[in-house]
Structure formats: structure tokens, C-alpha cells
Amino acid sequence: PHTLRHTYATEYYKQTKDIETLRRILGHSDISTTTIYITLANIDVENGMKSFKGFL
């Protein structure tokens, strides 16, 4: 269940960039808890960009 929660939150943020709504969906009282998911989403984007550079 926790892995699904992480996956949902990361994908939601990658598509919407709406951290406040994500915080409310996840039930976090402190936004700093929600920022953990943003960090994961940003790492995914960076890794995707690195992979894409190999095609250029």
C-alpha cells in the first residue's frame, strides 16, 4: 500500500505540479512531508533527461 501511495503522489505531482492539493489528498498537515514526493518526482525527471541525451 505504501509503494502505491508513493507512486500515486509522484505521478500526480509530475503531471500537475500542484503541491498544495497533493498535500491535502495525502492528508499531510506539514507541507515538508509532501516535498519528499516532489524530490522523487524531480529525480525521475532528471534521470529521464539523462537518458534522452544519449539519443542526441
N, C-alpha and C. Protein backbone atom coordinates (compact mmCIF):
# COMPACT_ATOMS: atom_id res chain seq x y z
N PRO A 1 0.80 -1.21 0.00
CA PRO A 1 0.00 0.00 0.00
C PRO A 1 0.85 1.28 0.00
N HIS A 2 1.97 1.28 0.74
CA HIS A 2 2.78 2.49 0.82
C HIS A 2 3.47 2.78 -0.51
N THR A 3 3.89 1.74 -1.22
CA THR A 3 4.51 1.92 -2.53
C THR A 3 3.51 2.52 -3.50
N LEU A 4 2.28 2.07 -3.46
CA LEU A 4 1.23 2.63 -4.32
C LEU A 4 1.01 4.11 -4.00
N ARG A 5 1.04 4.44 -2.73
CA ARG A 5 0.87 5.84 -2.30
C ARG A 5 2.00 6.71 -2.86
N HIS A 6 3.23 6.23 -2.76
CA HIS A 6 4.37 6.96 -3.31
C HIS A 6 4.23 7.13 -4.82
N THR A 7 3.87 6.06 -5.50
CA THR A 7 3.72 6.12 -6.96
C THR A 7 2.64 7.11 -7.35
N TYR A 8 1.50 7.04 -6.69
CA TYR A 8 0.40 7.96 -7.00
C TYR A 8 0.84 9.40 -6.78
N ALA A 9 1.44 9.67 -5.63
CA ALA A 9 1.83 11.04 -5.30
C ALA A 9 2.87 11.58 -6.27
N THR A 10 3.85 10.76 -6.61
CA THR A 10 4.89 11.19 -7.54
C THR A 10 4.30 11.49 -8.91
N GLU A 11 3.46 10.60 -9.41
CA GLU A 11 2.85 10.81 -10.72
C GLU A 11 1.90 12.01 -10.72
N TYR A 12 1.14 12.16 -9.64
CA TYR A 12 0.22 13.30 -9.54
C TYR A 12 1.01 14.60 -9.62
N TYR A 13 2.10 14.69 -8.87
CA TYR A 13 2.88 15.92 -8.87
C TYR A 13 3.56 16.16 -10.23
N LYS A 14 4.08 15.11 -10.83
CA LYS A 14 4.74 15.28 -12.14
C LYS A 14 3.77 15.83 -13.17
N GLN A 15 2.51 15.44 -13.08
CA GLN A 15 1.53 15.89 -14.07
C GLN A 15 0.90 17.24 -13.73
N THR A 16 0.75 17.57 -12.45
CA THR A 16 0.01 18.78 -12.08
C THR A 16 0.88 19.89 -11.50
N LYS A 17 1.98 19.54 -10.87
CA LYS A 17 2.83 20.49 -10.14
C LYS A 17 2.07 21.23 -9.04
N ASP A 18 0.98 20.65 -8.57
CA ASP A 18 0.13 21.27 -7.55
C ASP A 18 0.39 20.63 -6.19
N ILE A 19 1.37 21.17 -5.48
CA ILE A 19 1.78 20.57 -4.21
C ILE A 19 0.73 20.74 -3.11
N GLU A 20 0.01 21.85 -3.12
CA GLU A 20 -0.98 22.10 -2.06
C GLU A 20 -2.13 21.09 -2.15
N THR A 21 -2.63 20.85 -3.34
CA THR A 21 -3.70 19.85 -3.48
C THR A 21 -3.17 18.47 -3.14
N LEU A 22 -1.96 18.15 -3.56
CA LEU A 22 -1.36 16.86 -3.23
C LEU A 22 -1.24 16.71 -1.72
N ARG A 23 -0.82 17.75 -1.04
CA ARG A 23 -0.71 17.71 0.43
C ARG A 23 -2.05 17.35 1.05
N ARG A 24 -3.12 17.97 0.55
CA ARG A 24 -4.45 17.69 1.09
C ARG A 24 -4.91 16.27 0.76
N ILE A 25 -4.64 15.81 -0.46
CA ILE A 25 -5.01 14.44 -0.86
C ILE A 25 -4.34 13.42 0.06
N LEU A 26 -3.05 13.65 0.35
CA LEU A 26 -2.29 12.71 1.17
C LEU A 26 -2.58 12.85 2.66
N GLY A 27 -3.25 13.95 3.03
CA GLY A 27 -3.58 14.16 4.43
C GLY A 27 -2.42 14.64 5.27
N HIS A 28 -1.43 15.25 4.65
CA HIS A 28 -0.28 15.77 5.39
C HIS A 28 -0.64 17.12 6.02
N SER A 29 -0.30 17.28 7.29
CA SER A 29 -0.52 18.57 7.94
C SER A 29 0.65 19.51 7.67
N ASP A 30 1.82 18.93 7.39
CA ASP A 30 3.02 19.72 7.15
C ASP A 30 3.47 19.54 5.70
N ILE A 31 3.61 20.63 4.98
CA ILE A 31 3.99 20.59 3.56
C ILE A 31 5.36 19.95 3.36
N SER A 32 6.23 20.00 4.38
CA SER A 32 7.57 19.42 4.23
C SER A 32 7.49 17.91 4.02
N THR A 33 6.48 17.28 4.56
CA THR A 33 6.29 15.84 4.33
C THR A 33 5.97 15.59 2.86
N THR A 34 5.16 16.44 2.28
CA THR A 34 4.76 16.30 0.88
C THR A 34 5.94 16.54 -0.05
N THR A 35 6.87 17.39 0.35
CA THR A 35 8.01 17.70 -0.53
C THR A 35 8.89 16.48 -0.78
N ILE A 36 8.79 15.47 0.05
CA ILE A 36 9.53 14.22 -0.19
C ILE A 36 9.13 13.65 -1.55
N TYR A 37 7.86 13.71 -1.88
CA TYR A 37 7.37 13.18 -3.15
C TYR A 37 7.85 14.03 -4.32
N ILE A 38 7.97 15.32 -4.10
CA ILE A 38 8.45 16.21 -5.16
C ILE A 38 9.90 15.89 -5.49
N THR A 39 10.69 15.65 -4.46
CA THR A 39 12.09 15.28 -4.68
C THR A 39 12.17 14.02 -5.52
N LEU A 40 11.34 13.03 -5.22
CA LEU A 40 11.33 11.80 -6.01
C LEU A 40 10.91 12.08 -7.45
N ALA A 41 9.94 12.94 -7.64
CA ALA A 41 9.48 13.28 -8.99
C ALA A 41 10.57 13.99 -9.76
N ASN A 42 11.29 14.89 -9.12
CA ASN A 42 12.36 15.61 -9.79
C ASN A 42 13.52 14.69 -10.16
N ILE A 43 13.81 13.71 -9.33
CA ILE A 43 14.84 12.73 -9.65
C ILE A 43 14.44 11.94 -10.88
N ASP A 44 13.17 11.55 -10.98
CA ASP A 44 12.67 10.84 -12.16
C ASP A 44 12.86 11.68 -13.42
N VAL A 45 12.57 12.96 -13.34
CA VAL A 45 12.71 13.85 -14.50
C VAL A 45 14.18 13.96 -14.89
N GLU A 46 15.06 14.14 -13.92
CA GLU A 46 16.48 14.25 -14.21
C GLU A 46 17.00 12.98 -14.88
N ASN A 47 16.60 11.83 -14.37
CA ASN A 47 17.03 10.57 -14.97
C ASN A 47 16.50 10.43 -16.39
N GLY A 48 15.28 10.87 -16.62
CA GLY A 48 14.72 10.83 -17.97
C GLY A 48 15.48 11.72 -18.92
N MET A 49 15.88 12.88 -18.46
CA MET A 49 16.65 13.81 -19.30
C MET A 49 18.02 13.23 -19.63
N LYS A 50 18.64 12.59 -18.66
CA LYS A 50 19.95 11.98 -18.90
C LYS A 50 19.83 10.87 -19.95
N SER A 51 18.78 10.09 -19.88
CA SER A 51 18.56 9.02 -20.85
C SER A 51 18.34 9.59 -22.24
N PHE A 52 17.61 10.69 -22.32
CA PHE A 52 17.30 11.31 -23.61
C PHE A 52 18.55 11.87 -24.26
N LYS A 53 19.49 12.40 -23.48
CA LYS A 53 20.72 12.97 -24.03
C LYS A 53 21.49 11.95 -24.85
N GLY A 54 21.36 10.68 -24.50
CA GLY A 54 22.05 9.64 -25.24
C GLY A 54 21.56 9.48 -26.66
N PHE A 55 20.36 9.96 -26.95
CA PHE A 55 19.78 9.85 -28.28
C PHE A 55 20.19 11.00 -29.20
N LEU A 56 20.74 12.06 -28.65
CA LEU A 56 21.09 13.23 -29.46
C LEU A 56 22.39 13.08 -30.18
